[in-house]
Amino acid sequence: YIDKIAFKAYFQSSSDNGYSFDRDNAVGEEIETKMLPGIAIKDY
C-alpha cells in the first residue's frame, strides 16, 4: 500500500492559442500543489 502521493503541477498558457509554449518566457505561469490519497498495489 502507498500511503500518499504529492507533487506540484506547473502550467502555462500559450501566447498563440496553444500552438507554442515558451518555457523561458512563460505566459500566465501558475502552480498547484496536489495531495493524492493512498492506493493499494496490485501484483503481477
PDB file of all heavy atoms in Angstrom:
ATOM      1  N   TYR A   1       0.841  -1.193   0.000  1.00  0.00           N
ATOM      2  CA  TYR A   1       0.000   0.000   0.000  1.00  0.00           C
ATOM      3  C   TYR A   1       0.876   1.243   0.000  1.00  0.00           C
ATOM      4  O   TYR A   1       1.867   1.321   0.726  1.00  0.00           O
ATOM      5  CB  TYR A   1      -0.911  -0.001   1.238  1.00  0.00           C
ATOM      6  CG  TYR A   1      -2.057   0.987   1.165  1.00  0.00           C
ATOM      7  CD1 TYR A   1      -3.250   0.653   0.544  1.00  0.00           C
ATOM      8  CD2 TYR A   1      -1.936   2.265   1.726  1.00  0.00           C
ATOM      9  CE1 TYR A   1      -4.299   1.554   0.481  1.00  0.00           C
ATOM     10  CE2 TYR A   1      -2.981   3.165   1.669  1.00  0.00           C
ATOM     11  CZ  TYR A   1      -4.165   2.809   1.049  1.00  0.00           C
ATOM     12  OH  TYR A   1      -5.197   3.704   0.982  1.00  0.00           O
ATOM     13  N   ILE A   2       0.506   2.220  -0.843  1.00  0.00           N
ATOM     14  CA  ILE A   2       1.154   3.535  -0.845  1.00  0.00           C
ATOM     15  C   ILE A   2       0.285   4.480  -0.024  1.00  0.00           C
ATOM     16  O   ILE A   2      -0.909   4.641  -0.303  1.00  0.00           O
ATOM     17  CB  ILE A   2       1.334   4.059  -2.274  1.00  0.00           C
ATOM     18  CG1 ILE A   2       2.287   3.151  -3.049  1.00  0.00           C
ATOM     19  CG2 ILE A   2       1.869   5.486  -2.262  1.00  0.00           C
ATOM     20  CD1 ILE A   2       2.475   3.544  -4.491  1.00  0.00           C
ATOM     21  N   ASP A   3       0.863   5.105   0.997  1.00  0.00           N
ATOM     22  CA  ASP A   3       0.075   5.928   1.917  1.00  0.00           C
ATOM     23  C   ASP A   3      -0.415   7.220   1.265  1.00  0.00           C
ATOM     24  O   ASP A   3      -1.573   7.609   1.440  1.00  0.00           O
ATOM     25  CB  ASP A   3       0.900   6.259   3.162  1.00  0.00           C
ATOM     26  CG  ASP A   3       1.282   4.997   3.930  1.00  0.00           C
ATOM     27  OD1 ASP A   3       0.462   4.054   3.946  1.00  0.00           O
ATOM     28  OD2 ASP A   3       2.391   4.945   4.481  1.00  0.00           O
ATOM     29  N   LYS A   4       0.448   7.891   0.513  1.00  0.00           N
ATOM     30  CA  LYS A   4       0.031   9.135  -0.149  1.00  0.00           C
ATOM     31  C   LYS A   4       1.042   9.512  -1.219  1.00  0.00           C
ATOM     32  O   LYS A   4       2.191   9.046  -1.211  1.00  0.00           O
ATOM     33  CB  LYS A   4      -0.115  10.281   0.861  1.00  0.00           C
ATOM     34  CG  LYS A   4       1.188  10.668   1.548  1.00  0.00           C
ATOM     35  CD  LYS A   4       0.957  11.798   2.534  1.00  0.00           C
ATOM     36  CE  LYS A   4       2.266  12.166   3.249  1.00  0.00           C
ATOM     37  NZ  LYS A   4       2.074  13.260   4.220  1.00  0.00           N
ATOM     38  N   ILE A   5       0.609  10.367  -2.134  1.00  0.00           N
ATOM     39  CA  ILE A   5       1.463  10.885  -3.206  1.00  0.00           C
ATOM     40  C   ILE A   5       1.233  12.392  -3.293  1.00  0.00           C
ATOM     41  O   ILE A   5       0.086  12.855  -3.242  1.00  0.00           O
ATOM     42  CB  ILE A   5       1.147  10.226  -4.553  1.00  0.00           C
ATOM     43  CG1 ILE A   5       1.491   8.732  -4.512  1.00  0.00           C
ATOM     44  CG2 ILE A   5       1.908  10.901  -5.686  1.00  0.00           C
ATOM     45  CD1 ILE A   5       1.133   7.991  -5.768  1.00  0.00           C
ATOM     46  N   ALA A   6       2.298  13.138  -3.399  1.00  0.00           N
ATOM     47  CA  ALA A   6       2.206  14.586  -3.524  1.00  0.00           C
ATOM     48  C   ALA A   6       3.118  15.057  -4.649  1.00  0.00           C
ATOM     49  O   ALA A   6       4.190  14.496  -4.868  1.00  0.00           O
ATOM     50  CB  ALA A   6       2.592  15.267  -2.214  1.00  0.00           C
ATOM     51  N   PHE A   7       2.695  16.081  -5.373  1.00  0.00           N
ATOM     52  CA  PHE A   7       3.539  16.682  -6.408  1.00  0.00           C
ATOM     53  C   PHE A   7       3.025  18.076  -6.728  1.00  0.00           C
ATOM     54  O   PHE A   7       1.953  18.485  -6.270  1.00  0.00           O
ATOM     55  CB  PHE A   7       3.587  15.822  -7.678  1.00  0.00           C
ATOM     56  CG  PHE A   7       2.265  15.684  -8.385  1.00  0.00           C
ATOM     57  CD1 PHE A   7       1.905  16.552  -9.397  1.00  0.00           C
ATOM     58  CD2 PHE A   7       1.393  14.666  -8.054  1.00  0.00           C
ATOM     59  CE1 PHE A   7       0.690  16.426 -10.051  1.00  0.00           C
ATOM     60  CE2 PHE A   7       0.185  14.522  -8.696  1.00  0.00           C
ATOM     61  CZ  PHE A   7      -0.168  15.415  -9.692  1.00  0.00           C
ATOM     62  N   LYS A   8       3.808  18.798  -7.491  1.00  0.00           N
ATOM     63  CA  LYS A   8       3.433  20.143  -7.906  1.00  0.00           C
ATOM     64  C   LYS A   8       3.189  20.155  -9.413  1.00  0.00           C
ATOM     65  O   LYS A   8       3.983  19.607 -10.166  1.00  0.00           O
ATOM     66  CB  LYS A   8       4.534  21.146  -7.545  1.00  0.00           C
ATOM     67  CG  LYS A   8       4.726  21.309  -6.041  1.00  0.00           C
ATOM     68  CD  LYS A   8       5.835  22.293  -5.729  1.00  0.00           C
ATOM     69  CE  LYS A   8       6.011  22.431  -4.213  1.00  0.00           C
ATOM     70  NZ  LYS A   8       7.104  23.383  -3.890  1.00  0.00           N
ATOM     71  N   ALA A   9       2.090  20.784  -9.814  1.00  0.00           N
ATOM     72  CA  ALA A   9       1.752  20.895 -11.233  1.00  0.00           C
ATOM     73  C   ALA A   9       1.928  22.352 -11.659  1.00  0.00           C
ATOM     74  O   ALA A   9       1.176  23.226 -11.229  1.00  0.00           O
ATOM     75  CB  ALA A   9       0.318  20.434 -11.474  1.00  0.00           C
ATOM     76  N   TYR A  10       2.957  22.603 -12.462  1.00  0.00           N
ATOM     77  CA  TYR A  10       3.156  23.916 -13.042  1.00  0.00           C
ATOM     78  C   TYR A  10       2.437  23.934 -14.391  1.00  0.00           C
ATOM     79  O   TYR A  10       2.541  22.974 -15.156  1.00  0.00           O
ATOM     80  CB  TYR A  10       4.640  24.188 -13.282  1.00  0.00           C
ATOM     81  CG  TYR A  10       5.474  24.325 -12.037  1.00  0.00           C
ATOM     82  CD1 TYR A  10       5.841  23.216 -11.290  1.00  0.00           C
ATOM     83  CD2 TYR A  10       5.902  25.576 -11.609  1.00  0.00           C
ATOM     84  CE1 TYR A  10       6.607  23.335 -10.143  1.00  0.00           C
ATOM     85  CE2 TYR A  10       6.676  25.711 -10.472  1.00  0.00           C
ATOM     86  CZ  TYR A  10       7.030  24.588  -9.743  1.00  0.00           C
ATOM     87  OH  TYR A  10       7.792  24.726  -8.614  1.00  0.00           O
ATOM     88  N   PHE A  11       1.749  25.012 -14.685  1.00  0.00           N
ATOM     89  CA  PHE A  11       1.128  25.092 -16.002  1.00  0.00           C
ATOM     90  C   PHE A  11       1.215  26.513 -16.538  1.00  0.00           C
ATOM     91  O   PHE A  11       1.312  27.478 -15.783  1.00  0.00           O
ATOM     92  CB  PHE A  11      -0.329  24.611 -15.954  1.00  0.00           C
ATOM     93  CG  PHE A  11      -1.196  25.326 -14.953  1.00  0.00           C
ATOM     94  CD1 PHE A  11      -1.859  26.496 -15.280  1.00  0.00           C
ATOM     95  CD2 PHE A  11      -1.351  24.822 -13.681  1.00  0.00           C
ATOM     96  CE1 PHE A  11      -2.662  27.142 -14.368  1.00  0.00           C
ATOM     97  CE2 PHE A  11      -2.156  25.460 -12.752  1.00  0.00           C
ATOM     98  CZ  PHE A  11      -2.810  26.636 -13.095  1.00  0.00           C
ATOM     99  N   GLN A  12       1.208  26.609 -17.842  1.00  0.00           N
ATOM    100  CA  GLN A  12       1.308  27.900 -18.503  1.00  0.00           C
ATOM    101  C   GLN A  12       0.381  27.930 -19.711  1.00  0.00           C
ATOM    102  O   GLN A  12       0.089  26.902 -20.320  1.00  0.00           O
ATOM    103  CB  GLN A  12       2.756  28.160 -18.944  1.00  0.00           C
ATOM    104  CG  GLN A  12       3.263  27.144 -19.956  1.00  0.00           C
ATOM    105  CD  GLN A  12       4.695  27.379 -20.370  1.00  0.00           C
ATOM    106  OE1 GLN A  12       5.572  26.608 -20.066  1.00  0.00           O
ATOM    107  NE2 GLN A  12       4.933  28.457 -21.091  1.00  0.00           N
ATOM    108  N   SER A  13      -0.076  29.127 -20.033  1.00  0.00           N
ATOM    109  CA  SER A  13      -0.917  29.322 -21.209  1.00  0.00           C
ATOM    110  C   SER A  13      -0.034  29.564 -22.422  1.00  0.00           C
ATOM    111  O   SER A  13       1.181  29.718 -22.326  1.00  0.00           O
ATOM    112  CB  SER A  13      -1.879  30.496 -20.992  1.00  0.00           C
ATOM    113  OG  SER A  13      -2.701  30.271 -19.861  1.00  0.00           O
ATOM    114  N   SER A  14      -0.676  29.613 -23.572  1.00  0.00           N
ATOM    115  CA  SER A  14       0.043  29.843 -24.821  1.00  0.00           C
ATOM    116  C   SER A  14      -0.227  31.257 -25.312  1.00  0.00           C
ATOM    117  O   SER A  14      -1.331  31.792 -25.148  1.00  0.00           O
ATOM    118  CB  SER A  14      -0.403  28.827 -25.879  1.00  0.00           C
ATOM    119  OG  SER A  14       0.163  29.136 -27.129  1.00  0.00           O
ATOM    120  N   SER A  15       0.792  31.843 -25.939  1.00  0.00           N
ATOM    121  CA  SER A  15       0.631  33.194 -26.493  1.00  0.00           C
ATOM    122  C   SER A  15      -0.014  33.174 -27.869  1.00  0.00           C
ATOM    123  O   SER A  15      -0.375  34.217 -28.407  1.00  0.00           O
ATOM    124  CB  SER A  15       1.999  33.887 -26.584  1.00  0.00           C
ATOM    125  OG  SER A  15       2.887  33.101 -27.380  1.00  0.00           O
ATOM    126  N   ASP A  16      -0.171  32.005 -28.465  1.00  0.00           N
ATOM    127  CA  ASP A  16      -0.762  31.911 -29.809  1.00  0.00           C
ATOM    128  C   ASP A  16      -1.818  30.806 -29.871  1.00  0.00           C
ATOM    129  O   ASP A  16      -1.840  29.991 -30.790  1.00  0.00           O
ATOM    130  CB  ASP A  16       0.316  31.676 -30.861  1.00  0.00           C
ATOM    131  CG  ASP A  16       1.234  30.519 -30.503  1.00  0.00           C
ATOM    132  OD1 ASP A  16       0.912  29.800 -29.528  1.00  0.00           O
ATOM    133  OD2 ASP A  16       2.262  30.335 -31.170  1.00  0.00           O
ATOM    134  N   ASN A  17      -2.658  30.735 -28.829  1.00  0.00           N
ATOM    135  CA  ASN A  17      -3.806  29.825 -28.794  1.00  0.00           C
ATOM    136  C   ASN A  17      -3.410  28.350 -28.838  1.00  0.00           C
ATOM    137  O   ASN A  17      -4.064  27.540 -29.480  1.00  0.00           O
ATOM    138  CB  ASN A  17      -4.781  30.134 -29.939  1.00  0.00           C
ATOM    139  CG  ASN A  17      -6.153  29.533 -29.710  1.00  0.00           C
ATOM    140  OD1 ASN A  17      -6.573  29.384 -28.562  1.00  0.00           O
ATOM    141  ND2 ASN A  17      -6.845  29.183 -30.776  1.00  0.00           N
ATOM    142  N   GLY A  18      -2.347  28.007 -28.144  1.00  0.00           N
ATOM    143  CA  GLY A  18      -1.993  26.605 -27.998  1.00  0.00           C
ATOM    144  C   GLY A  18      -0.986  26.069 -28.986  1.00  0.00           C
ATOM    145  O   GLY A  18      -0.618  24.900 -28.926  1.00  0.00           O
ATOM    146  N   TYR A  19      -0.482  26.919 -29.898  1.00  0.00           N
ATOM    147  CA  TYR A  19       0.478  26.417 -30.893  1.00  0.00           C
ATOM    148  C   TYR A  19       1.860  26.249 -30.280  1.00  0.00           C
ATOM    149  O   TYR A  19       2.566  25.284 -30.568  1.00  0.00           O
ATOM    150  CB  TYR A  19       0.546  27.367 -32.083  1.00  0.00           C
ATOM    151  CG  TYR A  19       1.517  26.917 -33.152  1.00  0.00           C
ATOM    152  CD1 TYR A  19       1.176  25.880 -34.022  1.00  0.00           C
ATOM    153  CD2 TYR A  19       2.767  27.503 -33.275  1.00  0.00           C
ATOM    154  CE1 TYR A  19       2.065  25.454 -34.993  1.00  0.00           C
ATOM    155  CE2 TYR A  19       3.665  27.082 -34.245  1.00  0.00           C
ATOM    156  CZ  TYR A  19       3.307  26.062 -35.111  1.00  0.00           C
ATOM    157  OH  TYR A  19       4.195  25.639 -36.063  1.00  0.00           O
ATOM    158  N   SER A  20       2.270  27.183 -29.440  1.00  0.00           N
ATOM    159  CA  SER A  20       3.600  27.090 -28.841  1.00  0.00           C
ATOM    160  C   SER A  20       3.562  27.578 -27.400  1.00  0.00           C
ATOM    161  O   SER A  20       2.697  28.359 -27.007  1.00  0.00           O
ATOM    162  CB  SER A  20       4.608  27.935 -29.645  1.00  0.00           C
ATOM    163  OG  SER A  20       4.213  29.298 -29.651  1.00  0.00           O
ATOM    164  N   PHE A  21       4.525  27.064 -26.608  1.00  0.00           N
ATOM    165  CA  PHE A  21       4.663  27.443 -25.207  1.00  0.00           C
ATOM    166  C   PHE A  21       6.131  27.774 -24.963  1.00  0.00           C
ATOM    167  O   PHE A  21       6.992  26.911 -25.094  1.00  0.00           O
ATOM    168  CB  PHE A  21       4.217  26.303 -24.288  1.00  0.00           C
ATOM    169  CG  PHE A  21       2.762  25.965 -24.396  1.00  0.00           C
ATOM    170  CD1 PHE A  21       2.321  25.075 -25.357  1.00  0.00           C
ATOM    171  CD2 PHE A  21       1.839  26.542 -23.544  1.00  0.00           C
ATOM    172  CE1 PHE A  21       0.978  24.750 -25.459  1.00  0.00           C
ATOM    173  CE2 PHE A  21       0.499  26.227 -23.637  1.00  0.00           C
ATOM    174  CZ  PHE A  21       0.062  25.333 -24.591  1.00  0.00           C
ATOM    175  N   ASP A  22       6.405  29.012 -24.610  1.00  0.00           N
ATOM    176  CA  ASP A  22       7.774  29.456 -24.372  1.00  0.00           C
ATOM    177  C   ASP A  22       8.106  29.257 -22.900  1.00  0.00           C
ATOM    178  O   ASP A  22       7.600  29.973 -22.036  1.00  0.00           O
ATOM    179  CB  ASP A  22       7.913  30.930 -24.755  1.00  0.00           C
ATOM    180  CG  ASP A  22       9.368  31.387 -24.740  1.00  0.00           C
ATOM    181  OD1 ASP A  22      10.216  30.626 -24.222  1.00  0.00           O
ATOM    182  OD2 ASP A  22       9.658  32.483 -25.250  1.00  0.00           O
ATOM    183  N   ARG A  23       8.950  28.270 -22.601  1.00  0.00           N
ATOM    184  CA  ARG A  23       9.273  27.992 -21.202  1.00  0.00           C
ATOM    185  C   ARG A  23      10.114  29.093 -20.577  1.00  0.00           C
ATOM    186  O   ARG A  23      10.053  29.319 -19.375  1.00  0.00           O
ATOM    187  CB  ARG A  23      10.006  26.650 -21.103  1.00  0.00           C
ATOM    188  CG  ARG A  23       9.115  25.462 -21.436  1.00  0.00           C
ATOM    189  CD  ARG A  23       9.891  24.162 -21.383  1.00  0.00           C
ATOM    190  NE  ARG A  23       9.047  23.029 -21.724  1.00  0.00           N
ATOM    191  CZ  ARG A  23       9.497  21.801 -21.930  1.00  0.00           C
ATOM    192  NH1 ARG A  23      10.791  21.553 -21.812  1.00  0.00           N
ATOM    193  NH2 ARG A  23       8.661  20.826 -22.238  1.00  0.00           N
ATOM    194  N   ASP A  24      10.935  29.766 -21.376  1.00  0.00           N
ATOM    195  CA  ASP A  24      11.773  30.831 -20.830  1.00  0.00           C
ATOM    196  C   ASP A  24      10.973  32.095 -20.544  1.00  0.00           C
ATOM    197  O   ASP A  24      11.326  32.873 -19.659  1.00  0.00           O
ATOM    198  CB  ASP A  24      12.913  31.149 -21.804  1.00  0.00           C
ATOM    199  CG  ASP A  24      13.868  29.971 -21.957  1.00  0.00           C
ATOM    200  OD1 ASP A  24      14.041  29.237 -20.963  1.00  0.00           O
ATOM    201  OD2 ASP A  24      14.421  29.796 -23.061  1.00  0.00           O
ATOM    202  N   ASN A  25       9.932  32.337 -21.312  1.00  0.00           N
ATOM    203  CA  ASN A  25       9.064  33.498 -21.103  1.00  0.00           C
ATOM    204  C   ASN A  25       7.622  33.008 -20.992  1.00  0.00           C
ATOM    205  O   ASN A  25       6.791  33.238 -21.874  1.00  0.00           O
ATOM    206  CB  ASN A  25       9.210  34.492 -22.262  1.00  0.00           C
ATOM    207  CG  ASN A  25      10.627  35.015 -22.393  1.00  0.00           C
ATOM    208  OD1 ASN A  25      11.104  35.763 -21.553  1.00  0.00           O
ATOM    209  ND2 ASN A  25      11.315  34.605 -23.457  1.00  0.00           N
ATOM    210  N   ALA A  26       7.350  32.309 -19.901  1.00  0.00           N
ATOM    211  CA  ALA A  26       6.058  31.660 -19.727  1.00  0.00           C
ATOM    212  C   ALA A  26       4.932  32.681 -19.628  1.00  0.00           C
ATOM    213  O   ALA A  26       5.088  33.758 -19.041  1.00  0.00           O
ATOM    214  CB  ALA A  26       6.073  30.789 -18.476  1.00  0.00           C
ATOM    215  N   VAL A  27       3.791  32.325 -20.211  1.00  0.00           N
ATOM    216  CA  VAL A  27       2.602  33.162 -20.184  1.00  0.00           C
ATOM    217  C   VAL A  27       1.650  32.619 -19.131  1.00  0.00           C
ATOM    218  O   VAL A  27       1.239  31.462 -19.199  1.00  0.00           O
ATOM    219  CB  VAL A  27       1.904  33.189 -21.566  1.00  0.00           C
ATOM    220  CG1 VAL A  27       0.632  34.014 -21.499  1.00  0.00           C
ATOM    221  CG2 VAL A  27       2.850  33.730 -22.625  1.00  0.00           C
ATOM    222  N   GLY A  28       1.292  33.463 -18.154  1.00  0.00           N
ATOM    223  CA  GLY A  28       0.320  33.053 -17.134  1.00  0.00           C
ATOM    224  C   GLY A  28       0.747  31.812 -16.369  1.00  0.00           C
ATOM    225  O   GLY A  28      -0.067  30.934 -16.105  1.00  0.00           O
ATOM    226  N   GLU A  29       2.035  31.739 -16.006  1.00  0.00           N
ATOM    227  CA  GLU A  29       2.525  30.551 -15.305  1.00  0.00           C
ATOM    228  C   GLU A  29       1.973  30.507 -13.880  1.00  0.00           C
ATOM    229  O   GLU A  29       2.026  31.492 -13.146  1.00  0.00           O
ATOM    230  CB  GLU A  29       4.044  30.539 -15.265  1.00  0.00           C
ATOM    231  CG  GLU A  29       4.619  29.258 -14.675  1.00  0.00           C
ATOM    232  CD  GLU A  29       6.131  29.218 -14.769  1.00  0.00           C
ATOM    233  OE1 GLU A  29       6.738  30.304 -14.777  1.00  0.00           O
ATOM    234  OE2 GLU A  29       6.695  28.121 -14.834  1.00  0.00           O
ATOM    235  N   GLU A  30       1.433  29.359 -13.480  1.00  0.00           N
ATOM    236  CA  GLU A  30       0.881  29.166 -12.141  1.00  0.00           C
ATOM    237  C   GLU A  30       1.317  27.792 -11.633  1.00  0.00           C
ATOM    238  O   GLU A  30       1.872  26.986 -12.375  1.00  0.00           O
ATOM    239  CB  GLU A  30      -0.648  29.261 -12.162  1.00  0.00           C
ATOM    240  CG  GLU A  30      -1.173  30.613 -12.630  1.00  0.00           C
ATOM    241  CD  GLU A  30      -2.689  30.683 -12.609  1.00  0.00           C
ATOM    242  OE1 GLU A  30      -3.276  30.312 -11.572  1.00  0.00           O
ATOM    243  OE2 GLU A  30      -3.279  31.099 -13.614  1.00  0.00           O
ATOM    244  N   ILE A  31       1.053  27.556 -10.368  1.00  0.00           N
ATOM    245  CA  ILE A  31       1.424  26.282  -9.761  1.00  0.00           C
ATOM    246  C   ILE A  31       0.299  25.819  -8.850  1.00  0.00           C
ATOM    247  O   ILE A  31      -0.335  26.622  -8.169  1.00  0.00           O
ATOM    248  CB  ILE A  31       2.745  26.399  -8.970  1.00  0.00           C
ATOM    249  CG1 ILE A  31       3.114  25.059  -8.343  1.00  0.00           C
ATOM    250  CG2 ILE A  31       2.645  27.464  -7.897  1.00  0.00           C
ATOM    251  CD1 ILE A  31       4.458  25.073  -7.662  1.00  0.00           C
ATOM    252  N   GLU A  32       0.027  24.513  -8.873  1.00  0.00           N
ATOM    253  CA  GLU A  32      -0.954  23.909  -7.980  1.00  0.00           C
ATOM    254  C   GLU A  32      -0.295  22.712  -7.288  1.00  0.00           C
ATOM    255  O   GLU A  32       0.330  21.885  -7.947  1.00  0.00           O
ATOM    256  CB  GLU A  32      -2.190  23.448  -8.745  1.00  0.00           C
ATOM    257  CG  GLU A  32      -3.001  24.585  -9.337  1.00  0.00           C
ATOM    258  CD  GLU A  32      -4.202  24.089 -10.122  1.00  0.00           C
ATOM    259  OE1 GLU A  32      -4.414  22.860 -10.188  1.00  0.00           O
ATOM    260  OE2 GLU A  32      -4.921  24.930 -10.672  1.00  0.00           O
ATOM    261  N   THR A  33      -0.420  22.628  -5.984  1.00  0.00           N
ATOM    262  CA  THR A  33       0.119  21.505  -5.228  1.00  0.00           C
ATOM    263  C   THR A  33      -0.955  20.431  -5.088  1.00  0.00           C
ATOM    264  O   THR A  33      -2.082  20.724  -4.697  1.00  0.00           O
ATOM    265  CB  THR A  33       0.568  21.957  -3.828  1.00  0.00           C
ATOM    266  OG1 THR A  33       1.594  22.949  -3.970  1.00  0.00           O
ATOM    267  CG2 THR A  33       1.116  20.781  -3.032  1.00  0.00           C
ATOM    268  N   LYS A  34      -0.601  19.207  -5.430  1.00  0.00           N
ATOM    269  CA  LYS A  34      -1.558  18.097  -5.404  1.00  0.00           C
ATOM    270  C   LYS A  34      -1.202  17.129  -4.278  1.00  0.00           C
ATOM    271  O   LYS A  34      -0.063  16.676  -4.174  1.00  0.00           O
ATOM    272  CB  LYS A  34      -1.539  17.337  -6.739  1.00  0.00           C
ATOM    273  CG  LYS A  34      -1.780  18.217  -7.967  1.00  0.00           C
ATOM    274  CD  LYS A  34      -3.160  18.823  -7.957  1.00  0.00           C
ATOM    275  CE  LYS A  34      -3.383  19.680  -9.188  1.00  0.00           C
ATOM    276  NZ  LYS A  34      -4.708  20.334  -9.172  1.00  0.00           N
ATOM    277  N   MET A  35      -2.173  16.792  -3.480  1.00  0.00           N
ATOM    278  CA  MET A  35      -2.031  15.781  -2.428  1.00  0.00           C
ATOM    279  C   MET A  35      -3.036  14.670  -2.732  1.00  0.00           C
ATOM    280  O   MET A  35      -4.252  14.871  -2.614  1.00  0.00           O
ATOM    281  CB  MET A  35      -2.306  16.382  -1.052  1.00  0.00           C
ATOM    282  CG  MET A  35      -1.306  17.456  -0.635  1.00  0.00           C
ATOM    283  SD  MET A  35       0.348  16.790  -0.301  1.00  0.00           S
ATOM    284  CE  MET A  35       0.010  15.836   1.168  1.00  0.00           C
ATOM    285  N   LEU A  36      -2.547  13.515  -3.159  1.00  0.00           N
ATOM    286  CA  LEU A  36      -3.417  12.422  -3.572  1.00  0.00           C
ATOM    287  C   LEU A  36      -3.487  11.354  -2.491  1.00  0.00           C
ATOM    288  O   LEU A  36      -2.506  11.108  -1.785  1.00  0.00           O
ATOM    289  CB  LEU A  36      -2.906  11.816  -4.885  1.00  0.00           C
ATOM    290  CG  LEU A  36      -2.749  12.813  -6.045  1.00  0.00           C
ATOM    291  CD1 LEU A  36      -2.233  12.098  -7.275  1.00  0.00           C
ATOM    292  CD2 LEU A  36      -4.057  13.514  -6.351  1.00  0.00           C
ATOM    293  N   PRO A  37      -4.640  10.691  -2.335  1.00  0.00           N
ATOM    294  CA  PRO A  37      -4.809   9.712  -1.261  1.00  0.00           C
ATOM    295  C   PRO A  37      -4.036   8.431  -1.518  1.00  0.00           C
ATOM    296  O   PRO A  37      -3.457   8.219  -2.588  1.00  0.00           O
ATOM    297  CB  PRO A  37      -6.318   9.448  -1.279  1.00  0.00           C
ATOM    298  CG  PRO A  37      -6.721   9.709  -2.701  1.00  0.00           C
ATOM    299  CD  PRO A  37      -5.847  10.844  -3.158  1.00  0.00           C
ATOM    300  N   GLY A  38      -4.044   7.531  -0.530  1.00  0.00           N
ATOM    301  CA  GLY A  38      -3.340   6.257  -0.652  1.00  0.00           C
ATOM    302  C   GLY A  38      -4.014   5.320  -1.640  1.00  0.00           C
ATOM    303  O   GLY A  38      -5.173   5.521  -2.032  1.00  0.00           O
ATOM    304  N   ILE A  39      -3.265   4.283  -2.032  1.00  0.00           N
ATOM    305  CA  ILE A  39      -3.787   3.329  -3.012  1.00  0.00           C
ATOM    306  C   ILE A  39      -3.094   1.982  -2.820  1.00  0.00           C
ATOM    307  O   ILE A  39      -1.892   1.930  -2.509  1.00  0.00           O
ATOM    308  CB  ILE A  39      -3.588   3.863  -4.447  1.00  0.00           C
ATOM    309  CG1 ILE A  39      -4.307   2.978  -5.465  1.00  0.00           C
ATOM    310  CG2 ILE A  39      -2.111   4.014  -4.786  1.00  0.00           C
ATOM    311  CD1 ILE A  39      -4.344   3.575  -6.860  1.00  0.00           C
ATOM    312  N   ALA A  40      -3.848   0.887  -2.991  1.00  0.00           N
ATOM    313  CA  ALA A  40      -3.288  -0.462  -2.853  1.00  0.00           C
ATOM    314  C   ALA A  40      -2.501  -0.840  -4.101  1.00  0.00           C
ATOM    315  O   ALA A  40      -2.811  -0.398  -5.213  1.00  0.00           O
ATOM    316  CB  ALA A  40      -4.412  -1.461  -2.612  1.00  0.00           C
ATOM    317  N   ILE A  41      -1.472  -1.693  -3.924  1.00  0.00           N
ATOM    318  CA  ILE A  41      -0.599  -2.116  -5.021  1.00  0.00           C
ATOM    319  C   ILE A  41      -1.046  -3.492  -5.516  1.00  0.00           C
ATOM    320  O   ILE A  41      -1.120  -4.448  -4.728  1.00  0.00           O
ATOM    321  CB  ILE A  41       0.869  -2.172  -4.568  1.00  0.00           C
ATOM    322  CG1 ILE A  41       1.318  -0.796  -4.062  1.00  0.00           C
ATOM    323  CG2 ILE A  41       1.764  -2.645  -5.708  1.00  0.00           C
ATOM    324  CD1 ILE A  41       2.694  -0.804  -3.433  1.00  0.00           C
ATOM    325  N   LYS A  42      -1.316  -3.596  -6.802  1.00  0.00           N
ATOM    326  CA  LYS A  42      -1.706  -4.879  -7.390  1.00  0.00           C
ATOM    327  C   LYS A  42      -0.468  -5.683  -7.755  1.00  0.00           C
ATOM    328  O   LYS A  42       0.583  -5.123  -8.079  1.00  0.00           O
ATOM    329  CB  LYS A  42      -2.552  -4.648  -8.647  1.00  0.00           C
ATOM    330  CG  LYS A  42      -3.853  -3.923  -8.402  1.00  0.00           C
ATOM    331  CD  LYS A  42      -4.584  -3.706  -9.716  1.00  0.00           C
ATOM    332  CE  LYS A  42      -5.870  -2.921  -9.512  1.00  0.00           C
ATOM    333  NZ  LYS A  42      -6.555  -2.658 -10.807  1.00  0.00           N
ATOM    334  N   ASP A  43      -0.605  -7.015  -7.750  1.00  0.00           N
ATOM    335  CA  ASP A  43       0.515  -7.894  -8.084  1.00  0.00           C
ATOM    336  C   ASP A  43       0.604  -8.083  -9.595  1.00  0.00           C
ATOM    337  O   ASP A  43      -0.235  -7.586 -10.359  1.00  0.00           O
ATOM    338  CB  ASP A  43       0.348  -9.233  -7.383  1.00  0.00           C
ATOM    339  CG  ASP A  43       1.685  -9.888  -7.082  1.00  0.00           C
ATOM    340  OD1 ASP A  43       2.709  -9.421  -7.636  1.00  0.00           O
ATOM    341  OD2 ASP A  43       1.717 -10.865  -6.313  1.00  0.00           O
ATOM    342  N   TYR A  44       1.623  -8.844 -10.038  1.00  0.00           N
ATOM    343  CA  TYR A  44       1.827  -9.097 -11.460  1.00  0.00           C
ATOM    344  C   TYR A  44       0.638  -9.847 -12.071  1.00  0.00           C
ATOM    345  O   TYR A  44      -0.068 -10.593 -11.384  1.00  0.00           O
ATOM    346  CB  TYR A  44       3.095  -9.920 -11.678  1.00  0.00           C
ATOM    347  CG  TYR A  44       4.343  -9.297 -11.101  1.00  0.00           C
ATOM    348  CD1 TYR A  44       5.062  -9.942 -10.090  1.00  0.00           C
ATOM    349  CD2 TYR A  44       4.817  -8.082 -11.557  1.00  0.00           C
ATOM    350  CE1 TYR A  44       6.205  -9.382  -9.553  1.00  0.00           C
ATOM    351  CE2 TYR A  44       5.962  -7.509 -11.025  1.00  0.00           C
ATOM    352  CZ  TYR A  44       6.656  -8.167 -10.032  1.00  0.00           C
ATOM    353  OH  TYR A  44       7.784  -7.605  -9.505  1.00  0.00           O
TER     354      TYR A  44
END
